[in-house]
Structures are given as C-alpha cells and as structure tokens.
C-alpha cells in the first residue's frame, strides 16, 4: 500500500472539513414549558406563610389582593412577599424571590 501523498491528504482533509461544515449541529434539548419553579411565599412584614406557587401566579394574586403593581424590582417598591425554596421556619436560607408592590 502506497502512503498518501501530501496533495491527496490535503484533499481528503479539505473534503472532511467541507462535509462537516454542512452537517447540522446538535440542538440543545428544548426546555419543557410545562415545568415552572414554585416557591413557598411568605407575606411581609409579618413573615406569615401564604402559598406554594410560581412567581407569576403569586404576582397576579398579590396584585389582585393589594391593588398595586407587583414585580421583583426593589426600586421604589415596598417588600410584600419573600419566596423560599423550602418551607423551613424559621428560614434557614435566604429568600430566592422577593416581590415588591409599587404604589
């Protein structure tokens, strides 16, 4: 068997490079839109347990309850709820989500 000459080796490498350029890259697996993270929410300032739900559901509920716009931005807002990943009380972790009402 003859060893490949440089020009044949270069041509083979060029073909491999060309063919790999047209192959489709693997796509990242799509996240499941049906799964949402839920938190244990405690109303502030009394730190009383409220509900276990997603952030968006708690925002809607708090807006209906308070009549004010509620979001996660602390600027110009009043803290109305903290969301925790566990239901330990007294809390042994920092709040993962803080919700603020804007008057």
PDB file of N, CA and C in Angstrom:
ATOM      1  N   UNK A   1       0.839  -1.170   0.000  1.00  0.00           N
ATOM      2  CA  UNK A   1       0.000   0.000   0.000  1.00  0.00           C
ATOM      3  C   UNK A   1       0.883   1.231   0.000  1.00  0.00           C
ATOM      4  N   UNK A   2       0.566   2.150  -0.881  1.00  0.00           N
ATOM      5  CA  UNK A   2       1.339   3.380  -1.006  1.00  0.00           C
ATOM      6  C   UNK A   2       0.901   4.384   0.055  1.00  0.00           C
ATOM      7  N   UNK A   3       1.845   5.104   0.629  1.00  0.00           N
ATOM      8  CA  UNK A   3       1.446   6.169   1.538  1.00  0.00           C
ATOM      9  C   UNK A   3       0.787   7.298   0.747  1.00  0.00           C
ATOM     10  N   UNK A   4      -0.172   7.961   1.400  1.00  0.00           N
ATOM     11  CA  UNK A   4      -0.852   9.070   0.723  1.00  0.00           C
ATOM     12  C   UNK A   4       0.121  10.213   0.515  1.00  0.00           C
ATOM     13  N   UNK A   5       0.032  10.786  -0.669  1.00  0.00           N
ATOM     14  CA  UNK A   5       0.872  11.957  -0.935  1.00  0.00           C
ATOM     15  C   UNK A   5       0.250  13.158  -0.226  1.00  0.00           C
ATOM     16  N   UNK A   6       1.019  14.208  -0.081  1.00  0.00           N
ATOM     17  CA  UNK A   6       0.567  15.398   0.609  1.00  0.00           C
ATOM     18  C   UNK A   6      -0.664  15.983  -0.059  1.00  0.00           C
ATOM     19  N   UNK A   7      -0.713  15.999  -1.385  1.00  0.00           N
ATOM     20  CA  UNK A   7      -1.850  16.600  -2.078  1.00  0.00           C
ATOM     21  C   UNK A   7      -3.113  15.771  -1.861  1.00  0.00           C
ATOM     22  N   UNK A   8      -3.012  14.429  -1.834  1.00  0.00           N
ATOM     23  CA  UNK A   8      -4.186  13.602  -1.571  1.00  0.00           C
ATOM     24  C   UNK A   8      -4.634  13.743  -0.112  1.00  0.00           C
ATOM     25  N   UNK A   9      -3.683  13.846   0.799  1.00  0.00           N
ATOM     26  CA  UNK A   9      -4.010  14.021   2.207  1.00  0.00           C
ATOM     27  C   UNK A   9      -4.698  15.368   2.427  1.00  0.00           C
ATOM     28  N   UNK A  10      -4.186  16.396   1.780  1.00  0.00           N
ATOM     29  CA  UNK A  10      -4.787  17.729   1.900  1.00  0.00           C
ATOM     30  C   UNK A  10      -6.183  17.733   1.292  1.00  0.00           C
ATOM     31  N   UNK A  11      -6.350  17.048   0.169  1.00  0.00           N
ATOM     32  CA  UNK A  11      -7.666  16.988  -0.468  1.00  0.00           C
ATOM     33  C   UNK A  11      -8.662  16.249   0.421  1.00  0.00           C
ATOM     34  N   UNK A  12      -8.228  15.149   1.034  1.00  0.00           N
ATOM     35  CA  UNK A  12      -9.110  14.398   1.925  1.00  0.00           C
ATOM     36  C   UNK A  12      -9.504  15.239   3.136  1.00  0.00           C
ATOM     37  N   UNK A  13      -8.555  15.968   3.701  1.00  0.00           N
ATOM     38  CA  UNK A  13      -8.843  16.824   4.842  1.00  0.00           C
ATOM     39  C   UNK A  13      -9.795  17.950   4.436  1.00  0.00           C
ATOM     40  N   UNK A  14      -9.603  18.493   3.249  1.00  0.00           N
ATOM     41  CA  UNK A  14     -10.479  19.558   2.761  1.00  0.00           C
ATOM     42  C   UNK A  14     -11.909  19.043   2.596  1.00  0.00           C
ATOM     43  N   UNK A  15     -12.058  17.823   2.059  1.00  0.00           N
ATOM     44  CA  UNK A  15     -13.387  17.239   1.900  1.00  0.00           C
ATOM     45  C   UNK A  15     -14.045  17.006   3.267  1.00  0.00           C
ATOM     46  N   UNK A  16     -13.281  16.503   4.211  1.00  0.00           N
ATOM     47  CA  UNK A  16     -13.841  16.266   5.538  1.00  0.00           C
ATOM     48  C   UNK A  16     -14.288  17.572   6.184  1.00  0.00           C
ATOM     49  N   UNK A  17     -13.484  18.604   6.025  1.00  0.00           N
ATOM     50  CA  UNK A  17     -13.824  19.911   6.568  1.00  0.00           C
ATOM     51  C   UNK A  17     -15.062  20.471   5.887  1.00  0.00           C
ATOM     52  N   UNK A  18     -15.141  20.316   4.587  1.00  0.00           N
ATOM     53  CA  UNK A  18     -16.282  20.811   3.830  1.00  0.00           C
ATOM     54  C   UNK A  18     -17.561  20.081   4.232  1.00  0.00           C
ATOM     55  N   UNK A  19     -17.492  18.761   4.344  1.00  0.00           N
ATOM     56  CA  UNK A  19     -18.674  17.993   4.716  1.00  0.00           C
ATOM     57  C   UNK A  19     -19.113  18.271   6.153  1.00  0.00           C
ATOM     58  N   UNK A  20     -18.162  18.493   7.053  1.00  0.00           N
ATOM     59  CA  UNK A  20     -18.535  18.781   8.436  1.00  0.00           C
ATOM     60  C   UNK A  20     -19.157  20.165   8.568  1.00  0.00           C
ATOM     61  N   UNK A  21     -18.835  21.071   7.642  1.00  0.00           N
ATOM     62  CA  UNK A  21     -19.410  22.410   7.689  1.00  0.00           C
ATOM     63  C   UNK A  21     -20.899  22.383   7.362  1.00  0.00           C
ATOM     64  N   UNK A  22     -21.329  21.390   6.586  1.00  0.00           N
ATOM     65  CA  UNK A  22     -22.731  21.310   6.199  1.00  0.00           C
ATOM     66  C   UNK A  22     -23.557  20.408   7.095  1.00  0.00           C
ATOM     67  N   UNK A  23     -22.947  19.741   8.025  1.00  0.00           N
ATOM     68  CA  UNK A  23     -23.732  18.895   8.925  1.00  0.00           C
ATOM     69  C   UNK A  23     -24.402  19.785   9.957  1.00  0.00           C
ATOM     70  N   UNK A  24     -25.604  19.426  10.328  1.00  0.00           N
ATOM     71  CA  UNK A  24     -26.336  20.268  11.268  1.00  0.00           C
ATOM     72  C   UNK A  24     -25.814  20.032  12.683  1.00  0.00           C
ATOM     73  N   UNK A  25     -25.600  21.102  13.428  1.00  0.00           N
ATOM     74  CA  UNK A  25     -25.148  20.940  14.809  1.00  0.00           C
ATOM     75  C   UNK A  25     -26.289  20.393  15.655  1.00  0.00           C
ATOM     76  N   UNK A  26     -25.935  19.715  16.715  1.00  0.00           N
ATOM     77  CA  UNK A  26     -26.959  19.190  17.614  1.00  0.00           C
ATOM     78  C   UNK A  26     -27.598  20.349  18.355  1.00  0.00           C
ATOM     79  N   UNK A  27     -28.899  20.347  18.368  1.00  0.00           N
ATOM     80  CA  UNK A  27     -29.610  21.397  19.081  1.00  0.00           C
ATOM     81  C   UNK A  27     -29.715  21.033  20.550  1.00  0.00           C
ATOM     82  N   UNK A  28     -29.724  22.061  21.370  1.00  0.00           N
ATOM     83  CA  UNK A  28     -29.906  21.834  22.801  1.00  0.00           C
ATOM     84  C   UNK A  28     -31.325  21.335  23.026  1.00  0.00           C
ATOM     85  N   UNK A  29     -31.507  20.444  23.964  1.00  0.00           N
ATOM     86  CA  UNK A  29     -32.864  19.958  24.212  1.00  0.00           C
ATOM     87  C   UNK A  29     -33.761  21.101  24.656  1.00  0.00           C
ATOM     88  N   UNK A  30     -34.947  21.135  24.102  1.00  0.00           N
ATOM     89  CA  UNK A  30     -35.886  22.201  24.443  1.00  0.00           C
ATOM     90  C   UNK A  30     -36.344  22.032  25.882  1.00  0.00           C
ATOM     91  N   UNK A  31     -36.420  23.143  26.583  1.00  0.00           N
ATOM     92  CA  UNK A  31     -36.899  23.066  27.955  1.00  0.00           C
ATOM     93  C   UNK A  31     -38.405  22.815  27.920  1.00  0.00           C
ATOM     94  N   UNK A  32     -38.869  22.126  28.905  1.00  0.00           N
ATOM     95  CA  UNK A  32     -40.278  21.794  28.969  1.00  0.00           C
ATOM     96  C   UNK A  32     -41.054  23.017  29.446  1.00  0.00           C
ATOM     97  N   UNK A  33     -41.889  23.614  28.587  1.00  0.00           N
ATOM     98  CA  UNK A  33     -42.600  24.829  29.001  1.00  0.00           C
ATOM     99  C   UNK A  33     -43.643  24.571  30.075  1.00  0.00           C
ATOM    100  N   UNK A  34     -43.982  23.305  30.309  1.00  0.00           N
ATOM    101  CA  UNK A  34     -44.985  22.991  31.306  1.00  0.00           C
ATOM    102  C   UNK A  34     -44.412  22.965  32.721  1.00  0.00           C
ATOM    103  N   UNK A  35     -43.086  22.959  32.835  1.00  0.00           N
ATOM    104  CA  UNK A  35     -42.489  22.936  34.165  1.00  0.00           C
ATOM    105  C   UNK A  35     -42.110  24.347  34.589  1.00  0.00           C
ATOM    106  N   UNK A  36     -42.552  24.722  35.755  1.00  0.00           N
ATOM    107  CA  UNK A  36     -42.188  26.019  36.314  1.00  0.00           C
ATOM    108  C   UNK A  36     -41.716  25.794  37.740  1.00  0.00           C
ATOM    109  N   UNK A  37     -40.872  26.662  38.195  1.00  0.00           N
ATOM    110  CA  UNK A  37     -40.370  26.568  39.559  1.00  0.00           C
ATOM    111  C   UNK A  37     -41.374  27.214  40.501  1.00  0.00           C
ATOM    112  N   UNK A  38     -41.692  26.528  41.556  1.00  0.00           N
ATOM    113  CA  UNK A  38     -42.602  27.070  42.563  1.00  0.00           C
ATOM    114  C   UNK A  38     -41.834  27.345  43.849  1.00  0.00           C
ATOM    115  N   UNK A  39     -42.328  28.296  44.600  1.00  0.00           N
ATOM    116  CA  UNK A  39     -41.689  28.713  45.837  1.00  0.00           C
ATOM    117  C   UNK A  39     -42.717  28.758  46.957  1.00  0.00           C
ATOM    118  N   UNK A  40     -42.229  28.694  48.188  1.00  0.00           N
ATOM    119  CA  UNK A  40     -43.060  28.896  49.366  1.00  0.00           C
ATOM    120  C   UNK A  40     -43.028  30.384  49.669  1.00  0.00           C
ATOM    121  N   UNK A  41     -44.172  31.060  49.513  1.00  0.00           N
ATOM    122  CA  UNK A  41     -44.218  32.507  49.702  1.00  0.00           C
ATOM    123  C   UNK A  41     -44.700  32.856  51.096  1.00  0.00           C
ATOM    124  N   UNK A  42     -43.993  33.825  51.688  1.00  0.00           N
ATOM    125  CA  UNK A  42     -44.337  34.354  52.995  1.00  0.00           C
ATOM    126  C   UNK A  42     -44.592  35.848  52.844  1.00  0.00           C
ATOM    127  N   UNK A  43     -45.758  36.304  53.340  1.00  0.00           N
ATOM    128  CA  UNK A  43     -46.111  37.711  53.259  1.00  0.00           C
ATOM    129  C   UNK A  43     -45.275  38.512  54.241  1.00  0.00           C
ATOM    130  N   UNK A  44     -44.922  39.720  53.853  1.00  0.00           N
ATOM    131  CA  UNK A  44     -44.115  40.602  54.679  1.00  0.00           C
ATOM    132  C   UNK A  44     -44.962  41.778  55.127  1.00  0.00           C
ATOM    133  N   UNK A  45     -44.733  42.409  56.226  1.00  0.00           N
ATOM    134  CA  UNK A  45     -43.605  42.281  57.137  1.00  0.00           C
ATOM    135  C   UNK A  45     -43.818  41.241  58.230  1.00  0.00           C
ATOM    136  N   UNK A  46     -44.993  40.597  58.305  1.00  0.00           N
ATOM    137  CA  UNK A  46     -45.269  39.663  59.400  1.00  0.00           C
ATOM    138  C   UNK A  46     -44.598  38.309  59.207  1.00  0.00           C
ATOM    139  N   UNK A  47     -44.088  38.019  58.011  1.00  0.00           N
ATOM    140  CA  UNK A  47     -43.427  36.749  57.689  1.00  0.00           C
ATOM    141  C   UNK A  47     -44.368  35.566  57.928  1.00  0.00           C
ATOM    142  N   UNK A  48     -45.609  35.691  57.434  1.00  0.00           N
ATOM    143  CA  UNK A  48     -46.594  34.629  57.563  1.00  0.00           C
ATOM    144  C   UNK A  48     -46.701  33.855  56.263  1.00  0.00           C
ATOM    145  N   UNK A  49     -46.840  32.522  56.378  1.00  0.00           N
ATOM    146  CA  UNK A  49     -46.926  31.660  55.202  1.00  0.00           C
ATOM    147  C   UNK A  49     -48.168  32.013  54.393  1.00  0.00           C
ATOM    148  N   UNK A  50     -47.996  32.077  53.071  1.00  0.00           N
ATOM    149  CA  UNK A  50     -49.097  32.432  52.194  1.00  0.00           C
ATOM    150  C   UNK A  50     -49.489  31.266  51.288  1.00  0.00           C
ATOM    151  N   UNK A  51     -48.560  30.819  50.413  1.00  0.00           N
ATOM    152  CA  UNK A  51     -48.904  29.777  49.457  1.00  0.00           C
ATOM    153  C   UNK A  51     -47.656  29.186  48.817  1.00  0.00           C
ATOM    154  N   UNK A  52     -47.823  28.050  48.140  1.00  0.00           N
ATOM    155  CA  UNK A  52     -46.761  27.417  47.351  1.00  0.00           C
ATOM    156  C   UNK A  52     -47.185  27.515  45.896  1.00  0.00           C
ATOM    157  N   UNK A  53     -46.511  28.380  45.136  1.00  0.00           N
ATOM    158  CA  UNK A  53     -46.902  28.618  43.748  1.00  0.00           C
ATOM    159  C   UNK A  53     -45.739  29.199  42.963  1.00  0.00           C
ATOM    160  N   UNK A  54     -45.965  29.436  41.668  1.00  0.00           N
ATOM    161  CA  UNK A  54     -44.932  30.041  40.818  1.00  0.00           C
ATOM    162  C   UNK A  54     -44.899  31.551  41.049  1.00  0.00           C
ATOM    163  N   UNK A  55     -43.831  32.174  40.595  1.00  0.00           N
ATOM    164  CA  UNK A  55     -43.668  33.621  40.765  1.00  0.00           C
ATOM    165  C   UNK A  55     -44.779  34.368  40.032  1.00  0.00           C
ATOM    166  N   UNK A  56     -45.061  33.968  38.796  1.00  0.00           N
ATOM    167  CA  UNK A  56     -46.080  34.685  38.018  1.00  0.00           C
ATOM    168  C   UNK A  56     -47.462  34.563  38.669  1.00  0.00           C
ATOM    169  N   UNK A  57     -47.801  33.392  39.193  1.00  0.00           N
ATOM    170  CA  UNK A  57     -49.095  33.241  39.861  1.00  0.00           C
ATOM    171  C   UNK A  57     -49.172  34.082  41.132  1.00  0.00           C
ATOM    172  N   UNK A  58     -48.085  34.145  41.881  1.00  0.00           N
ATOM    173  CA  UNK A  58     -48.077  34.936  43.113  1.00  0.00           C
ATOM    174  C   UNK A  58     -48.157  36.426  42.804  1.00  0.00           C
ATOM    175  N   UNK A  59     -47.507  36.862  41.725  1.00  0.00           N
ATOM    176  CA  UNK A  59     -47.592  38.273  41.333  1.00  0.00           C
ATOM    177  C   UNK A  59     -49.028  38.640  41.016  1.00  0.00           C
ATOM    178  N   UNK A  60     -49.703  37.820  40.223  1.00  0.00           N
ATOM    179  CA  UNK A  60     -51.103  38.092  39.871  1.00  0.00           C
ATOM    180  C   UNK A  60     -51.968  38.123  41.120  1.00  0.00           C
ATOM    181  N   UNK A  61     -51.777  37.172  42.014  1.00  0.00           N
ATOM    182  CA  UNK A  61     -52.563  37.106  43.239  1.00  0.00           C
ATOM    183  C   UNK A  61     -52.337  38.326  44.133  1.00  0.00           C
ATOM    184  N   UNK A  62     -51.050  38.733  44.268  1.00  0.00           N
ATOM    185  CA  UNK A  62     -50.744  39.898  45.105  1.00  0.00           C
ATOM    186  C   UNK A  62     -51.270  41.186  44.488  1.00  0.00           C
ATOM    187  N   UNK A  63     -51.230  41.296  43.164  1.00  0.00           N
ATOM    188  CA  UNK A  63     -51.789  42.491  42.508  1.00  0.00           C
ATOM    189  C   UNK A  63     -53.289  42.589  42.757  1.00  0.00           C
ATOM    190  N   UNK A  64     -53.984  41.463  42.711  1.00  0.00           N
ATOM    191  CA  UNK A  64     -55.420  41.469  42.986  1.00  0.00           C
ATOM    192  C   UNK A  64     -55.691  41.779  44.451  1.00  0.00           C
ATOM    193  N   UNK A  65     -54.837  41.276  45.326  1.00  0.00           N
ATOM    194  CA  UNK A  65     -55.028  41.464  46.763  1.00  0.00           C
ATOM    195  C   UNK A  65     -54.721  42.900  47.193  1.00  0.00           C
ATOM    196  N   UNK A  66     -53.634  43.484  46.670  1.00  0.00           N
ATOM    197  CA  UNK A  66     -53.216  44.816  47.112  1.00  0.00           C
ATOM    198  C   UNK A  66     -53.742  45.946  46.252  1.00  0.00           C
ATOM    199  N   UNK A  67     -54.028  45.655  44.982  1.00  0.00           N
ATOM    200  CA  UNK A  67     -54.452  46.709  44.060  1.00  0.00           C
ATOM    201  C   UNK A  67     -53.288  47.495  43.480  1.00  0.00           C
ATOM    202  N   UNK A  68     -52.061  47.057  43.732  1.00  0.00           N
ATOM    203  CA  UNK A  68     -50.865  47.737  43.233  1.00  0.00           C
ATOM    204  C   UNK A  68     -50.117  46.841  42.261  1.00  0.00           C
ATOM    205  N   UNK A  69     -49.271  47.462  41.442  1.00  0.00           N
ATOM    206  CA  UNK A  69     -48.396  46.731  40.527  1.00  0.00           C
ATOM    207  C   UNK A  69     -47.332  46.012  41.355  1.00  0.00           C
ATOM    208  N   UNK A  70     -47.113  44.716  41.096  1.00  0.00           N
ATOM    209  CA  UNK A  70     -46.145  43.910  41.851  1.00  0.00           C
ATOM    210  C   UNK A  70     -45.131  43.323  40.881  1.00  0.00           C
ATOM    211  N   UNK A  71     -43.846  43.415  41.238  1.00  0.00           N
ATOM    212  CA  UNK A  71     -42.780  42.783  40.451  1.00  0.00           C
ATOM    213  C   UNK A  71     -41.589  42.491  41.351  1.00  0.00           C
ATOM    214  N   UNK A  72     -40.453  42.129  40.747  1.00  0.00           N
ATOM    215  CA  UNK A  72     -39.265  41.772  41.525  1.00  0.00           C
ATOM    216  C   UNK A  72     -38.283  42.924  41.677  1.00  0.00           C
ATOM    217  N   UNK A  73     -38.614  44.096  41.161  1.00  0.00           N
ATOM    218  CA  UNK A  73     -37.710  45.242  41.243  1.00  0.00           C
ATOM    219  C   UNK A  73     -37.897  45.983  42.563  1.00  0.00           C
ATOM    220  N   UNK A  74     -36.816  46.151  43.339  1.00  0.00           N
ATOM    221  CA  UNK A  74     -36.950  46.830  44.622  1.00  0.00           C
ATOM    222  C   UNK A  74     -37.025  48.355  44.510  1.00  0.00           C
ATOM    223  N   UNK A  75     -36.702  48.914  43.356  1.00  0.00           N
ATOM    224  CA  UNK A  75     -36.627  50.371  43.213  1.00  0.00           C
ATOM    225  C   UNK A  75     -38.010  51.004  43.287  1.00  0.00           C
ATOM    226  N   UNK A  76     -38.235  51.780  44.339  1.00  0.00           N
ATOM    227  CA  UNK A  76     -39.494  52.475  44.527  1.00  0.00           C
ATOM    228  C   UNK A  76     -40.616  51.579  45.011  1.00  0.00           C
ATOM    229  N   UNK A  77     -40.297  50.379  45.444  1.00  0.00           N
ATOM    230  CA  UNK A  77     -41.341  49.449  45.869  1.00  0.00           C
ATOM    231  C   UNK A  77     -41.256  49.114  47.332  1.00  0.00           C
ATOM    232  N   UNK A  78     -42.296  48.483  47.821  1.00  0.00           N
ATOM    233  CA  UNK A  78     -42.373  48.016  49.200  1.00  0.00           C
ATOM    234  C   UNK A  78     -42.415  46.500  49.182  1.00  0.00           C
ATOM    235  N   UNK A  79     -41.551  45.861  49.963  1.00  0.00           N
ATOM    236  CA  UNK A  79     -41.499  44.405  50.020  1.00  0.00           C
ATOM    237  C   UNK A  79     -42.823  43.862  50.538  1.00  0.00           C
ATOM    238  N   UNK A  80     -43.449  42.962  49.754  1.00  0.00           N
ATOM    239  CA  UNK A  80     -44.721  42.385  50.178  1.00  0.00           C
ATOM    240  C   UNK A  80     -44.650  40.872  50.353  1.00  0.00           C
ATOM    241  N   UNK A  81     -43.650  40.201  49.727  1.00  0.00           N
ATOM    242  CA  UNK A  81     -43.558  38.747  49.875  1.00  0.00           C
ATOM    243  C   UNK A  81     -42.155  38.261  49.567  1.00  0.00           C
ATOM    244  N   UNK A  82     -41.752  37.217  50.271  1.00  0.00           N
ATOM    245  CA  UNK A  82     -40.496  36.520  50.003  1.00  0.00           C
ATOM    246  C   UNK A  82     -40.826  35.097  49.579  1.00  0.00           C
ATOM    247  N   UNK A  83     -40.098  34.592  48.565  1.00  0.00           N
ATOM    248  CA  UNK A  83     -40.290  33.221  48.111  1.00  0.00           C
ATOM    249  C   UNK A  83     -39.073  32.378  48.458  1.00  0.00           C
ATOM    250  N   UNK A  84     -39.304  31.228  49.085  1.00  0.00           N
ATOM    251  CA  UNK A  84     -38.231  30.344  49.522  1.00  0.00           C
ATOM    252  C   UNK A  84     -38.326  29.006  48.803  1.00  0.00           C
ATOM    253  N   UNK A  85     -37.185  28.330  48.669  1.00  0.00           N
ATOM    254  CA  UNK A  85     -37.158  27.022  48.013  1.00  0.00           C
ATOM    255  C   UNK A  85     -37.599  25.902  48.937  1.00  0.00           C
ATOM    256  N   UNK A  86     -37.602  26.156  50.238  1.00  0.00           N
ATOM    257  CA  UNK A  86     -38.093  25.147  51.180  1.00  0.00           C
ATOM    258  C   UNK A  86     -39.046  25.815  52.163  1.00  0.00           C
ATOM    259  N   UNK A  87     -39.752  25.007  52.902  1.00  0.00           N
ATOM    260  CA  UNK A  87     -40.762  25.534  53.811  1.00  0.00           C
ATOM    261  C   UNK A  87     -40.302  25.511  55.263  1.00  0.00           C
ATOM    262  N   UNK A  88     -38.996  25.572  55.492  1.00  0.00           N
ATOM    263  CA  UNK A  88     -38.468  25.588  56.860  1.00  0.00           C
ATOM    264  C   UNK A  88     -38.786  26.921  57.529  1.00  0.00           C
ATOM    265  N   UNK A  89     -39.180  26.846  58.774  1.00  0.00           N
ATOM    266  CA  UNK A  89     -39.415  28.063  59.542  1.00  0.00           C
ATOM    267  C   UNK A  89     -38.908  27.841  60.948  1.00  0.00           C
ATOM    268  N   UNK A  90     -38.059  28.662  61.494  1.00  0.00           N
ATOM    269  CA  UNK A  90     -37.520  29.872  60.872  1.00  0.00           C
ATOM    270  C   UNK A  90     -36.664  29.525  59.657  1.00  0.00           C
ATOM    271  N   UNK A  91     -36.600  30.453  58.743  1.00  0.00           N
ATOM    272  CA  UNK A  91     -35.934  30.225  57.464  1.00  0.00           C
ATOM    273  C   UNK A  91     -34.443  29.972  57.663  1.00  0.00           C
ATOM    274  N   UNK A  92     -33.948  28.912  57.027  1.00  0.00           N
ATOM    275  CA  UNK A  92     -32.525  28.602  57.126  1.00  0.00           C
ATOM    276  C   UNK A  92     -31.769  28.966  55.844  1.00  0.00           C
ATOM    277  N   UNK A  93     -32.463  29.554  54.875  1.00  0.00           N
ATOM    278  CA  UNK A  93     -31.846  30.026  53.627  1.00  0.00           C
ATOM    279  C   UNK A  93     -32.365  31.422  53.332  1.00  0.00           C
ATOM    280  N   UNK A  94     -31.651  32.128  52.477  1.00  0.00           N
ATOM    281  CA  UNK A  94     -32.102  33.444  52.034  1.00  0.00           C
ATOM    282  C   UNK A  94     -33.252  33.268  51.055  1.00  0.00           C
ATOM    283  N   UNK A  95     -34.091  34.242  50.964  1.00  0.00           N
ATOM    284  CA  UNK A  95     -35.210  34.204  50.021  1.00  0.00           C
ATOM    285  C   UNK A  95     -34.673  34.155  48.594  1.00  0.00           C
ATOM    286  N   UNK A  96     -35.258  33.299  47.781  1.00  0.00           N
ATOM    287  CA  UNK A  96     -34.855  33.192  46.375  1.00  0.00           C
ATOM    288  C   UNK A  96     -35.537  34.250  45.526  1.00  0.00           C
ATOM    289  N   UNK A  97     -36.725  34.658  45.934  1.00  0.00           N
ATOM    290  CA  UNK A  97     -37.513  35.640  45.196  1.00  0.00           C
ATOM    291  C   UNK A  97     -38.056  36.650  46.191  1.00  0.00           C
ATOM    292  N   UNK A  98     -37.990  37.916  45.819  1.00  0.00           N
ATOM    293  CA  UNK A  98     -38.577  38.984  46.621  1.00  0.00           C
ATOM    294  C   UNK A  98     -39.533  39.750  45.724  1.00  0.00           C
ATOM    295  N   UNK A  99     -40.759  39.927  46.190  1.00  0.00           N
ATOM    296  CA  UNK A  99     -41.774  40.629  45.405  1.00  0.00           C
ATOM    297  C   UNK A  99     -42.091  41.963  46.061  1.00  0.00           C
ATOM    298  N   UNK A 100     -42.174  43.005  45.234  1.00  0.00           N
ATOM    299  CA  UNK A 100     -42.376  44.366  45.711  1.00  0.00           C
ATOM    300  C   UNK A 100     -43.627  44.959  45.084  1.00  0.00           C
ATOM    301  N   UNK A 101     -44.412  45.684  45.898  1.00  0.00           N
ATOM    302  CA  UNK A 101     -45.580  46.424  45.406  1.00  0.00           C
ATOM    303  C   UNK A 101     -45.150  47.854  45.140  1.00  0.00           C
ATOM    304  N   UNK A 102     -45.625  48.401  44.033  1.00  0.00           N
ATOM    305  CA  UNK A 102     -45.285  49.783  43.657  1.00  0.00           C
ATOM    306  C   UNK A 102     -46.547  50.634  43.723  1.00  0.00           C
ATOM    307  N   UNK A 103     -46.528  51.638  44.596  1.00  0.00           N
ATOM    308  CA  UNK A 103     -47.703  52.491  44.863  1.00  0.00           C
ATOM    309  C   UNK A 103     -47.769  53.607  43.873  1.00  0.00           C
TER     310      UNK A 103
END
